[in-house]
Structure formats: C-alpha cells, structure tokens
Protein backbone atom coordinates (compact mmCIF):
# COMPACT_ATOMS: atom_id res chain seq x y z
CA MET A 1 114.45 76.67 107.02
CA THR A 2 114.80 80.26 107.19
CA ILE A 3 111.61 82.60 107.23
CA ILE A 4 111.84 85.74 106.10
CA TYR A 5 110.03 88.56 107.48
CA THR A 6 108.30 91.88 105.67
CA ILE A 7 106.57 94.75 105.80
CA ASP A 8 104.22 95.09 103.17
CA VAL A 9 103.21 98.71 103.06
CA TYR A 10 99.78 99.58 100.95
CA SER A 11 97.88 103.01 99.54
CA LYS A 12 95.31 104.04 101.17
CA VAL A 13 93.49 104.77 98.24
CA ASP A 14 93.87 102.10 96.13
CA GLU A 15 95.13 99.22 98.22
CA ALA A 16 98.43 98.94 95.40
CA LEU A 17 101.54 97.45 97.02
CA LEU A 18 103.88 100.37 97.52
CA LEU A 19 107.00 99.42 99.23
CA GLU A 20 107.94 95.82 100.85
CA ILE A 21 110.46 96.00 103.59
CA GLU A 22 112.48 92.64 104.32
CA ILE A 23 113.10 93.07 108.18
CA PRO A 24 116.73 91.73 108.86
CA GLU A 25 117.01 88.71 111.02
CA ASN A 26 118.88 90.74 113.68
CA LYS A 27 115.79 93.60 114.10
CA PRO A 28 112.47 92.28 115.16
CA SER A 29 112.78 93.81 118.38
CA ASP A 30 113.10 97.32 116.76
CA VAL A 31 110.20 96.44 114.55
CA ALA A 32 108.27 96.03 117.71
CA GLU A 33 109.49 99.08 119.15
CA ILE A 34 108.53 101.10 116.65
CA MET A 35 105.17 99.44 116.27
CA GLY A 36 104.83 99.87 120.09
CA TRP A 37 103.21 95.69 120.04
CA SER A 38 102.10 93.89 123.00
CA GLU A 39 103.27 90.15 123.69
CA GLU A 40 100.47 88.95 121.58
CA ASP A 41 101.16 91.40 118.52
CA LYS A 42 105.35 89.98 118.56
CA LYS A 43 104.12 86.41 118.79
CA GLU A 44 101.94 86.86 115.77
CA PHE A 45 104.13 89.03 113.73
CA SER A 46 107.17 85.81 114.52
CA LEU A 47 104.05 83.32 112.98
CA GLY A 48 103.66 85.57 110.22
CA ILE A 49 100.00 85.93 110.72
CA GLY A 50 99.99 89.81 111.98
CA VAL A 51 98.31 92.70 110.03
CA TYR A 52 98.87 96.06 111.38
CA ASN A 53 98.16 99.68 109.98
CA ILE A 54 100.75 101.95 110.27
CA ASN A 55 101.15 105.84 110.38
CA GLU A 56 103.66 107.81 107.85
CA SER A 57 106.32 108.01 111.04
CA GLN A 58 106.22 104.36 111.44
CA ALA A 59 106.78 103.51 107.64
CA ILE A 60 109.59 105.58 107.75
CA LYS A 61 111.44 104.29 110.67
CA LEU A 62 110.78 100.77 109.44
CA GLU A 63 111.96 101.65 105.97
CA SER A 64 115.25 102.57 108.03
CA LEU A 65 115.61 99.15 109.13
CA CYS A 66 116.36 97.80 105.67
CA PRO A 67 117.88 100.53 103.47
CA LEU A 68 117.29 98.72 100.42
CA PRO A 69 113.60 98.12 99.82
CA LEU A 70 112.48 94.68 97.74
CA LYS A 71 110.13 96.96 95.39
C-alpha cells in the first residue's frame, strides 16, 4: 500500500479548497525544510494527521515541489 501525501491550500476568506499539491515520495524532507517543522511535526505529517497554517512564501515553495497541482 502506498501513502500519498498532499498539501491542501484553503482560502482564508471562505475556506474553499484552492489547491491540492501531491508531495512526491522523495520530497518529505523538502516539505519539512520549507515548513520549518520540528521532529514531532514531521512525525505527524508522516502519519497524515498534521494540520498547519502556511504563508504565501511557503505556499509558493510547496507548489514548486509538484509543478502540476491536482486541482
């Protein structure tokens, strides 16, 4: 079984889903660096339970990890 990690980007105005970014299997460490995660944050992400607010700069960097967003 393969786990697919995604980052969902929501509007601050109406909480509508704006973008879903699939994180390639070889990029979790890049995500952690962009997000500035602690070891606990990394563990939560790997378990699929992490929820994080991101800023515009982080959103742009995360999007660059997967040039073809799912939405």
